[in-house]
Amino acid sequence: MRSMTGYGRGIAEKDGRKVTIELRSVNHRFSDYSMKFPRFLSACEDAVRKVCSDYIVRGHVDVFLMYENNRDDKAAASLDLPLAKQYLEIAKELESVGFVNDLTAARVMKMPDVVEVKEADENLDEIIALTVDATEEACKKLVEMREVEGEKLRVDLLTKLHNLEETVSFIEERAPLVSTVYAEKLKKRMTDYLGGIEIDQSKFLSEVCLYTDRVAIDEELTRLRTHFAHCKEIFEKDGSIGKTLDFTVQEMNREINTTGSKCSDILITEKVIAAKNELEKFREQVQNIE
């Protein structure tokens, strides 16, 4: 079981080039990426997506790429000597009419277009290769963190599932008493209404049977038990299980709602409310599972 929350960082270096990839993921219904790359490295995005898709099935992932070029040939400076000479000639002309000529080589170099610095053309193929290696490392670390967080989720979900099972056990024990309590109340009402007239047992029993059928929740409780067992099986599976669990939670919620609508017993109603609250907490945690 993996959480969709995690962080991973990978670094790849070669021949003075260094690529750092950082991944930050949070829960999302599908697989979604937000790339934060330098503009001139936007061509690396497809390679990063391809690597990430091998490790990440669901979740929103922010991808940060940092690039450093520490090569000696990363830039070259060129001097426009004819232009520099023109600046010197102009300075001499100004000096001839009274201006101070304090022009130095350093100042000439700062004149527009005298010295031009050009960045060396980057080898994009080499950068992409480094990006792939850094992304692989970042993904592995991200998955490791997701698995650690996933184990915490599994323990918490098992605890909540146990609470739900105990609630269902209480309802199972209480449910048979509902018809008995109804029969006693009905018999008292009929006796009070009829006075000394004998109660028609066939009609009395027929009414009790109809009520019992109407409030019967055996099937709902059985299906809930089945869903609980299914959840435990899913917990032990590898890969993406979040959507399957989410669907199972919806089915569990349906059975709990049906149980509550069928039975008016105050104690069962209280337990149904407690179960719905616990299931909502369960569902919120399931939203974080890949």
Foldseek 3Di string as FASTA:
>chain_A
DFFQFFKFKFWFDDQQKIKIKIKGWFFDPFEAEDEDEDPVLPVLVVLLVVLLVVQDTGTYMYMYMDMGGRHPQQKDKDFPVVVLVVVVVVLVVVVVVPDDRPDDPVNSCVPPPGMDMDGDDDDNVVVSVRVNRGSNRRSVRGRVGRVVVLVVLLVVLVVLLVLLVVLLVVCVVCLVVQLVVVLVVVVVVVCVVVPPDDDDVVVSVVVSVVLSVQLDLVVLSVVLVVLSVVVVVLSPDDDACLVVNLVSLVSNLVSLVVNLVRDPDPVNVVSSVVNVVSSVVSNVSSSRGD
